[in-house]
Amino acid sequence: VPSSHTRRKTMVIGTGDTPPQPGERPPVLPQRNEELAPNQSSGGGALCNDPSGLCLGAKGEIDSSKSGVYTSIARLASQLDSGREGGEIPLVTIQTNKAAVIVKEYDGHAVVLRVPTDAEVEGDIGISGSEAKHDEDIVTQQEGSVSES
C-alpha cells in the first residue's frame, strides 16, 4: 500500500436488532417514517434541476413544469453578488398566501423547496380556485420578466 494512500474509517450504525452503543444514533425505522410522512409533509415539496433548467426530480406538491423559471431565478440571484470571489450564492424566498418557495443554486443545480403556510396545512386555503390562479399568475409574471432580461 503506497504511503500516500489514506484509509477512511467507517462507522456502522446499529441495525435495530441491538440497542445502539454509546455515541451511536438509534436506527431510523422506515415503517415509522411512512406513518409520520402524511401528517408532516402536507403541501410541501422539493425539486432539483440540472444547469439547463430541466427537472431531474420532484417530490410532493410542487409544479415541475416551472422548473426552468426556478433555474432562472437562482441564476439571476447568483449575479447579484458576483463581485465577491468565493461568495455564498443568495437564497431566494418567494412567499405567497399558500406557501413559501425557497430557491438556491448548488453547483449549477437549482434546488427548490415548497413549504406550505399553516393555513394551507390546516385546510383553510385550498389548492383550487382564485388563490391557485393567483399563485400561477405570480410565477407567470416572473417567467415574463426573466425572459425580457
N, C-alpha and C. Protein backbone atom coordinates (compact mmCIF):
# COMPACT_ATOMS: atom_id res chain seq x y z
N VAL A 1 0.85 -1.18 0.00
CA VAL A 1 0.00 0.00 0.00
C VAL A 1 0.89 1.23 0.00
N PRO A 2 0.72 2.13 -0.97
CA PRO A 2 1.53 3.35 -1.01
C PRO A 2 1.28 4.22 0.22
N SER A 3 2.31 4.94 0.61
CA SER A 3 2.18 5.78 1.80
C SER A 3 1.23 6.95 1.59
N SER A 4 1.02 7.36 0.34
CA SER A 4 0.11 8.48 0.07
C SER A 4 -1.35 8.06 0.18
N HIS A 5 -1.59 6.76 0.21
CA HIS A 5 -2.97 6.25 0.29
C HIS A 5 -3.47 6.43 1.72
N THR A 6 -4.58 7.10 1.88
CA THR A 6 -5.17 7.26 3.21
C THR A 6 -6.34 6.32 3.35
N ARG A 7 -6.49 5.80 4.50
CA ARG A 7 -7.56 4.85 4.77
C ARG A 7 -8.69 5.58 5.50
N ARG A 8 -9.89 5.41 5.02
CA ARG A 8 -11.05 6.03 5.66
C ARG A 8 -11.60 5.11 6.73
N LYS A 9 -12.00 5.71 7.81
CA LYS A 9 -12.66 4.95 8.86
C LYS A 9 -14.16 5.06 8.64
N THR A 10 -14.84 3.96 8.78
CA THR A 10 -16.29 3.98 8.66
C THR A 10 -16.89 3.49 9.95
N MET A 11 -18.02 4.04 10.27
CA MET A 11 -18.73 3.63 11.48
C MET A 11 -20.06 3.04 11.05
N VAL A 12 -20.35 1.87 11.53
CA VAL A 12 -21.60 1.21 11.21
C VAL A 12 -22.60 1.52 12.31
N ILE A 13 -23.73 2.07 11.91
CA ILE A 13 -24.79 2.38 12.86
C ILE A 13 -25.61 1.12 13.08
N GLY A 14 -26.15 0.99 14.27
CA GLY A 14 -26.94 -0.20 14.62
C GLY A 14 -28.07 -0.47 13.65
N THR A 15 -28.44 -1.73 13.51
CA THR A 15 -29.48 -2.14 12.57
C THR A 15 -30.85 -2.21 13.20
N GLY A 16 -30.94 -2.01 14.48
CA GLY A 16 -32.22 -2.11 15.15
C GLY A 16 -32.38 -3.42 15.89
N ASP A 17 -31.51 -4.39 15.61
CA ASP A 17 -31.58 -5.67 16.31
C ASP A 17 -31.02 -5.55 17.72
N THR A 18 -30.07 -4.66 17.90
CA THR A 18 -29.46 -4.46 19.21
C THR A 18 -29.58 -2.99 19.56
N PRO A 19 -29.59 -2.68 20.85
CA PRO A 19 -29.65 -1.26 21.23
C PRO A 19 -28.37 -0.55 20.78
N PRO A 20 -28.47 0.74 20.43
CA PRO A 20 -27.28 1.47 19.98
C PRO A 20 -26.25 1.58 21.10
N GLN A 21 -25.00 1.54 20.72
CA GLN A 21 -23.90 1.71 21.66
C GLN A 21 -23.72 3.19 21.95
N PRO A 22 -23.01 3.55 23.02
CA PRO A 22 -22.77 4.97 23.30
C PRO A 22 -22.10 5.64 22.10
N GLY A 23 -22.62 6.79 21.73
CA GLY A 23 -22.09 7.54 20.59
C GLY A 23 -22.78 7.23 19.28
N GLU A 24 -23.56 6.16 19.23
CA GLU A 24 -24.31 5.81 18.02
C GLU A 24 -25.68 6.44 18.07
N ARG A 25 -26.19 6.76 16.89
CA ARG A 25 -27.57 7.23 16.81
C ARG A 25 -28.48 6.02 16.65
N PRO A 26 -29.68 6.08 17.21
CA PRO A 26 -30.60 4.96 17.02
C PRO A 26 -31.00 4.85 15.55
N PRO A 27 -31.28 3.64 15.08
CA PRO A 27 -31.64 3.47 13.67
C PRO A 27 -32.98 4.11 13.36
N VAL A 28 -33.13 4.53 12.11
CA VAL A 28 -34.39 5.08 11.64
C VAL A 28 -35.20 3.92 11.07
N LEU A 29 -36.41 3.79 11.53
CA LEU A 29 -37.26 2.70 11.07
C LEU A 29 -38.13 3.19 9.93
N PRO A 30 -37.98 2.64 8.73
CA PRO A 30 -38.74 3.12 7.56
C PRO A 30 -40.25 3.08 7.75
N GLN A 31 -40.77 2.04 8.37
CA GLN A 31 -42.22 1.96 8.52
C GLN A 31 -42.73 3.09 9.41
N ARG A 32 -41.97 3.51 10.37
CA ARG A 32 -42.37 4.62 11.24
C ARG A 32 -42.38 5.92 10.45
N ASN A 33 -41.37 6.12 9.60
CA ASN A 33 -41.33 7.33 8.77
C ASN A 33 -42.53 7.39 7.84
N GLU A 34 -42.93 6.25 7.27
CA GLU A 34 -44.08 6.22 6.38
C GLU A 34 -45.37 6.57 7.12
N GLU A 35 -45.45 6.19 8.39
CA GLU A 35 -46.63 6.53 9.19
C GLU A 35 -46.69 8.02 9.46
N LEU A 36 -45.53 8.63 9.68
CA LEU A 36 -45.48 10.05 10.02
C LEU A 36 -45.55 10.95 8.79
N ALA A 37 -45.10 10.48 7.65
CA ALA A 37 -44.99 11.32 6.46
C ALA A 37 -46.28 12.02 6.06
N PRO A 38 -47.45 11.35 6.02
CA PRO A 38 -48.65 12.07 5.61
C PRO A 38 -49.00 13.23 6.53
N ASN A 39 -48.69 13.13 7.80
CA ASN A 39 -49.02 14.19 8.75
C ASN A 39 -48.04 15.35 8.66
N GLN A 40 -46.80 15.09 8.31
CA GLN A 40 -45.79 16.13 8.35
C GLN A 40 -45.50 16.77 7.00
N SER A 41 -45.89 16.15 5.91
CA SER A 41 -45.50 16.68 4.61
C SER A 41 -46.66 17.23 3.80
N SER A 42 -47.74 17.56 4.43
CA SER A 42 -48.91 18.05 3.72
C SER A 42 -48.60 19.36 3.01
N GLY A 43 -48.64 19.33 1.69
CA GLY A 43 -48.47 20.55 0.90
C GLY A 43 -47.04 20.90 0.56
N GLY A 44 -46.07 20.27 1.15
CA GLY A 44 -44.68 20.59 0.88
C GLY A 44 -44.16 19.84 -0.33
N GLY A 45 -43.02 20.27 -0.82
CA GLY A 45 -42.43 19.59 -1.95
C GLY A 45 -41.00 20.03 -2.17
N ALA A 46 -40.30 19.28 -3.00
CA ALA A 46 -38.91 19.59 -3.34
C ALA A 46 -38.69 19.28 -4.81
N LEU A 47 -37.76 20.02 -5.40
CA LEU A 47 -37.48 19.86 -6.82
C LEU A 47 -36.00 20.15 -7.04
N CYS A 48 -35.38 19.44 -7.96
CA CYS A 48 -33.98 19.69 -8.31
C CYS A 48 -33.86 19.74 -9.83
N ASN A 49 -33.16 20.76 -10.33
CA ASN A 49 -32.97 20.96 -11.77
C ASN A 49 -31.51 20.80 -12.15
N ASP A 50 -31.28 20.43 -13.40
CA ASP A 50 -29.91 20.44 -13.92
C ASP A 50 -29.57 21.87 -14.34
N PRO A 51 -28.32 22.15 -14.71
CA PRO A 51 -27.95 23.52 -15.08
C PRO A 51 -28.72 24.09 -16.27
N SER A 52 -29.34 23.25 -17.08
CA SER A 52 -30.14 23.73 -18.21
C SER A 52 -31.57 24.06 -17.83
N GLY A 53 -31.96 23.79 -16.59
CA GLY A 53 -33.31 24.07 -16.15
C GLY A 53 -34.26 22.90 -16.29
N LEU A 54 -33.75 21.74 -16.66
CA LEU A 54 -34.60 20.56 -16.79
C LEU A 54 -34.74 19.89 -15.43
N CYS A 55 -35.95 19.49 -15.11
CA CYS A 55 -36.24 18.89 -13.81
C CYS A 55 -35.61 17.50 -13.72
N LEU A 56 -34.75 17.31 -12.74
CA LEU A 56 -34.14 16.00 -12.50
C LEU A 56 -35.03 15.14 -11.61
N GLY A 57 -35.79 15.80 -10.74
CA GLY A 57 -36.67 15.06 -9.85
C GLY A 57 -37.50 16.01 -9.03
N ALA A 58 -38.72 15.61 -8.74
CA ALA A 58 -39.62 16.41 -7.92
C ALA A 58 -40.40 15.46 -7.02
N LYS A 59 -40.67 15.91 -5.81
CA LYS A 59 -41.41 15.11 -4.86
C LYS A 59 -42.36 16.03 -4.11
N GLY A 60 -43.57 15.59 -3.92
CA GLY A 60 -44.53 16.38 -3.17
C GLY A 60 -45.32 17.31 -4.06
N GLU A 61 -45.91 18.31 -3.45
CA GLU A 61 -46.78 19.25 -4.16
C GLU A 61 -45.98 20.46 -4.64
N ILE A 62 -45.29 20.26 -5.76
CA ILE A 62 -44.53 21.34 -6.39
C ILE A 62 -44.67 21.16 -7.90
N ASP A 63 -44.82 22.26 -8.61
CA ASP A 63 -45.08 22.22 -10.04
C ASP A 63 -43.77 22.10 -10.82
N SER A 64 -43.49 20.91 -11.33
CA SER A 64 -42.24 20.69 -12.06
C SER A 64 -42.24 21.36 -13.44
N SER A 65 -43.40 21.77 -13.93
CA SER A 65 -43.44 22.45 -15.23
C SER A 65 -42.81 23.84 -15.16
N LYS A 66 -42.62 24.37 -13.97
CA LYS A 66 -41.99 25.68 -13.78
C LYS A 66 -40.51 25.56 -13.46
N SER A 67 -39.91 24.40 -13.70
CA SER A 67 -38.52 24.16 -13.30
C SER A 67 -37.55 25.15 -13.95
N GLY A 68 -37.77 25.51 -15.20
CA GLY A 68 -36.90 26.47 -15.87
C GLY A 68 -36.94 27.85 -15.22
N VAL A 69 -38.11 28.23 -14.72
CA VAL A 69 -38.25 29.52 -14.03
C VAL A 69 -37.40 29.52 -12.77
N TYR A 70 -37.45 28.42 -12.03
CA TYR A 70 -36.68 28.33 -10.78
C TYR A 70 -35.18 28.43 -11.07
N THR A 71 -34.73 27.79 -12.14
CA THR A 71 -33.31 27.86 -12.50
C THR A 71 -32.94 29.29 -12.88
N SER A 72 -33.80 29.97 -13.61
CA SER A 72 -33.54 31.37 -13.99
C SER A 72 -33.47 32.27 -12.76
N ILE A 73 -34.37 32.06 -11.82
CA ILE A 73 -34.36 32.86 -10.58
C ILE A 73 -33.06 32.63 -9.83
N ALA A 74 -32.65 31.37 -9.69
CA ALA A 74 -31.41 31.06 -8.98
C ALA A 74 -30.20 31.68 -9.68
N ARG A 75 -30.19 31.62 -11.00
CA ARG A 75 -29.08 32.17 -11.77
C ARG A 75 -29.02 33.70 -11.63
N LEU A 76 -30.18 34.35 -11.69
CA LEU A 76 -30.21 35.81 -11.52
C LEU A 76 -29.76 36.20 -10.12
N ALA A 77 -30.16 35.44 -9.12
CA ALA A 77 -29.74 35.72 -7.75
C ALA A 77 -28.23 35.59 -7.60
N SER A 78 -27.63 34.63 -8.28
CA SER A 78 -26.18 34.45 -8.18
C SER A 78 -25.43 35.63 -8.79
N GLN A 79 -26.06 36.35 -9.73
CA GLN A 79 -25.43 37.52 -10.34
C GLN A 79 -25.49 38.75 -9.44
N LEU A 80 -26.34 38.74 -8.45
CA LEU A 80 -26.46 39.89 -7.55
C LEU A 80 -25.17 40.13 -6.78
N ASP A 81 -24.49 39.08 -6.43
CA ASP A 81 -23.30 39.19 -5.60
C ASP A 81 -22.09 38.61 -6.33
N SER A 82 -22.04 38.79 -7.64
CA SER A 82 -20.97 38.17 -8.43
C SER A 82 -19.61 38.85 -8.22
N GLY A 83 -19.58 40.02 -7.61
CA GLY A 83 -18.33 40.72 -7.39
C GLY A 83 -17.45 40.09 -6.33
N ARG A 84 -18.06 39.38 -5.41
CA ARG A 84 -17.29 38.75 -4.33
C ARG A 84 -16.76 37.40 -4.79
N GLU A 85 -15.48 37.22 -4.64
CA GLU A 85 -14.88 35.94 -5.02
C GLU A 85 -15.14 34.92 -3.92
N GLY A 86 -15.63 33.76 -4.30
CA GLY A 86 -15.91 32.71 -3.32
C GLY A 86 -17.09 33.02 -2.43
N GLY A 87 -17.91 33.99 -2.84
CA GLY A 87 -19.06 34.38 -2.03
C GLY A 87 -20.18 33.36 -2.08
N GLU A 88 -20.98 33.37 -1.06
CA GLU A 88 -22.13 32.47 -0.97
C GLU A 88 -23.20 32.92 -1.96
N ILE A 89 -23.82 31.97 -2.65
CA ILE A 89 -24.90 32.28 -3.58
C ILE A 89 -26.15 32.58 -2.76
N PRO A 90 -26.86 33.67 -3.09
CA PRO A 90 -28.03 34.06 -2.29
C PRO A 90 -29.15 33.01 -2.31
N LEU A 91 -29.89 33.00 -1.24
CA LEU A 91 -31.08 32.18 -1.10
C LEU A 91 -32.27 33.06 -1.43
N VAL A 92 -33.14 32.62 -2.32
CA VAL A 92 -34.31 33.40 -2.73
C VAL A 92 -35.54 32.76 -2.11
N THR A 93 -36.36 33.59 -1.46
CA THR A 93 -37.62 33.11 -0.89
C THR A 93 -38.76 33.88 -1.54
N ILE A 94 -39.72 33.14 -2.09
CA ILE A 94 -40.92 33.73 -2.68
C ILE A 94 -42.08 33.31 -1.80
N GLN A 95 -42.75 34.29 -1.20
CA GLN A 95 -43.84 33.97 -0.29
C GLN A 95 -45.18 34.34 -0.91
N THR A 96 -46.12 33.41 -0.81
CA THR A 96 -47.49 33.65 -1.24
C THR A 96 -48.39 33.36 -0.04
N ASN A 97 -49.69 33.51 -0.25
CA ASN A 97 -50.61 33.22 0.86
C ASN A 97 -50.72 31.72 1.12
N LYS A 98 -50.24 30.88 0.19
CA LYS A 98 -50.31 29.43 0.36
C LYS A 98 -49.01 28.81 0.84
N ALA A 99 -47.89 29.33 0.39
CA ALA A 99 -46.62 28.67 0.68
C ALA A 99 -45.45 29.62 0.48
N ALA A 100 -44.31 29.22 1.01
CA ALA A 100 -43.04 29.88 0.72
C ALA A 100 -42.26 28.94 -0.19
N VAL A 101 -41.70 29.50 -1.25
CA VAL A 101 -40.88 28.72 -2.17
C VAL A 101 -39.44 29.21 -1.99
N ILE A 102 -38.56 28.29 -1.65
CA ILE A 102 -37.16 28.62 -1.38
C ILE A 102 -36.33 28.09 -2.55
N VAL A 103 -35.53 28.97 -3.15
CA VAL A 103 -34.74 28.61 -4.33
C VAL A 103 -33.28 28.92 -4.06
N LYS A 104 -32.41 27.96 -4.32
CA LYS A 104 -30.97 28.17 -4.16
C LYS A 104 -30.23 27.32 -5.17
N GLU A 105 -29.10 27.84 -5.64
CA GLU A 105 -28.29 27.11 -6.62
C GLU A 105 -27.11 26.46 -5.92
N TYR A 106 -26.89 25.19 -6.22
CA TYR A 106 -25.76 24.44 -5.71
C TYR A 106 -25.05 23.81 -6.90
N ASP A 107 -23.80 24.20 -7.15
CA ASP A 107 -23.01 23.66 -8.27
C ASP A 107 -23.78 23.68 -9.58
N GLY A 108 -24.49 24.76 -9.85
CA GLY A 108 -25.23 24.90 -11.10
C GLY A 108 -26.61 24.28 -11.09
N HIS A 109 -26.95 23.53 -10.07
CA HIS A 109 -28.25 22.88 -9.97
C HIS A 109 -29.15 23.70 -9.05
N ALA A 110 -30.33 24.04 -9.54
CA ALA A 110 -31.29 24.77 -8.71
C ALA A 110 -32.04 23.77 -7.84
N VAL A 111 -32.08 24.07 -6.55
CA VAL A 111 -32.82 23.25 -5.59
C VAL A 111 -33.96 24.11 -5.06
N VAL A 112 -35.17 23.57 -5.12
CA VAL A 112 -36.36 24.32 -4.75
C VAL A 112 -37.12 23.55 -3.68
N LEU A 113 -37.50 24.25 -2.63
CA LEU A 113 -38.33 23.67 -1.58
C LEU A 113 -39.62 24.47 -1.48
N ARG A 114 -40.73 23.79 -1.38
CA ARG A 114 -42.02 24.45 -1.18
C ARG A 114 -42.48 24.12 0.23
N VAL A 115 -42.64 25.16 1.03
CA VAL A 115 -43.05 24.99 2.42
C VAL A 115 -44.43 25.62 2.57
N PRO A 116 -45.45 24.83 2.88
CA PRO A 116 -46.80 25.38 2.98
C PRO A 116 -46.96 26.28 4.20
N THR A 117 -47.88 27.23 4.10
CA THR A 117 -48.21 28.05 5.26
C THR A 117 -49.06 27.22 6.21
N ASP A 118 -49.18 27.69 7.44
CA ASP A 118 -50.01 26.99 8.43
C ASP A 118 -51.45 26.90 7.95
N ALA A 119 -51.94 27.96 7.28
CA ALA A 119 -53.32 27.97 6.81
C ALA A 119 -53.56 26.88 5.77
N GLU A 120 -52.59 26.65 4.88
CA GLU A 120 -52.77 25.61 3.87
C GLU A 120 -52.73 24.22 4.51
N VAL A 121 -51.83 24.02 5.46
CA VAL A 121 -51.72 22.72 6.13
C VAL A 121 -53.01 22.40 6.88
N GLU A 122 -53.60 23.41 7.51
CA GLU A 122 -54.83 23.20 8.28
C GLU A 122 -56.05 23.10 7.39
N GLY A 123 -55.90 23.35 6.10
CA GLY A 123 -57.02 23.23 5.17
C GLY A 123 -57.82 24.50 5.01
N ASP A 124 -57.35 25.61 5.59
CA ASP A 124 -58.07 26.88 5.45
C ASP A 124 -57.93 27.45 4.04
N ILE A 125 -56.87 27.06 3.34
CA ILE A 125 -56.62 27.54 1.98
C ILE A 125 -56.60 26.33 1.08
N GLY A 126 -57.39 26.38 0.02
CA GLY A 126 -57.43 25.26 -0.92
C GLY A 126 -56.45 25.43 -2.04
N ILE A 127 -56.19 24.37 -2.76
CA ILE A 127 -55.27 24.41 -3.90
C ILE A 127 -55.97 24.94 -5.14
N SER A 128 -57.29 24.81 -5.21
CA SER A 128 -58.01 25.24 -6.40
C SER A 128 -58.58 26.63 -6.20
N GLY A 129 -59.16 27.17 -7.27
CA GLY A 129 -59.84 28.46 -7.17
C GLY A 129 -58.94 29.63 -7.46
N SER A 130 -59.37 30.80 -6.99
CA SER A 130 -58.67 32.03 -7.33
C SER A 130 -57.28 32.10 -6.70
N GLU A 131 -57.09 31.47 -5.52
CA GLU A 131 -55.78 31.52 -4.89
C GLU A 131 -54.75 30.77 -5.71
N ALA A 132 -55.12 29.60 -6.23
CA ALA A 132 -54.20 28.84 -7.08
C ALA A 132 -53.90 29.63 -8.35
N LYS A 133 -54.92 30.28 -8.91
CA LYS A 133 -54.73 31.10 -10.10
C LYS A 133 -53.80 32.26 -9.79
N HIS A 134 -53.95 32.87 -8.59
CA HIS A 134 -53.09 33.97 -8.18
C HIS A 134 -51.63 33.53 -8.13
N ASP A 135 -51.37 32.35 -7.53
CA ASP A 135 -50.00 31.85 -7.45
C ASP A 135 -49.45 31.55 -8.84
N GLU A 136 -50.29 31.00 -9.73
CA GLU A 136 -49.84 30.74 -11.10
C GLU A 136 -49.50 32.05 -11.80
N ASP A 137 -50.31 33.10 -11.56
CA ASP A 137 -50.05 34.40 -12.18
C ASP A 137 -48.71 34.97 -11.72
N ILE A 138 -48.38 34.78 -10.44
CA ILE A 138 -47.10 35.29 -9.92
C ILE A 138 -45.95 34.63 -10.65
N VAL A 139 -45.98 33.30 -10.79
CA VAL A 139 -44.90 32.59 -11.48
C VAL A 139 -44.87 32.97 -12.95
N THR A 140 -46.04 33.13 -13.58
CA THR A 140 -46.10 33.51 -14.99
C THR A 140 -45.51 34.90 -15.18
N GLN A 141 -45.79 35.83 -14.27
CA GLN A 141 -45.21 37.16 -14.35
C GLN A 141 -43.70 37.08 -14.23
N GLN A 142 -43.21 36.21 -13.35
CA GLN A 142 -41.77 36.06 -13.19
C GLN A 142 -41.17 35.46 -14.45
N GLU A 143 -41.88 34.54 -15.10
CA GLU A 143 -41.40 33.97 -16.36
C GLU A 143 -41.22 35.08 -17.39
N GLY A 144 -42.20 35.99 -17.46
CA GLY A 144 -42.14 37.09 -18.42
C GLY A 144 -40.99 38.03 -18.13
N SER A 145 -40.77 38.36 -16.85
CA SER A 145 -39.69 39.28 -16.52
C SER A 145 -38.33 38.64 -16.71
N VAL A 146 -38.22 37.33 -16.51
CA VAL A 146 -36.94 36.64 -16.72
C VAL A 146 -36.62 36.59 -18.20
N SER A 147 -37.62 36.33 -19.05
CA SER A 147 -37.36 36.22 -20.48
C SER A 147 -37.09 37.58 -21.12
N GLU A 148 -37.57 38.67 -20.50
CA GLU A 148 -37.33 40.00 -21.04
C GLU A 148 -35.90 40.45 -20.83
N SER A 149 -35.25 39.97 -19.77
CA SER A 149 -33.89 40.43 -19.48
C SER A 149 -32.85 39.67 -20.24
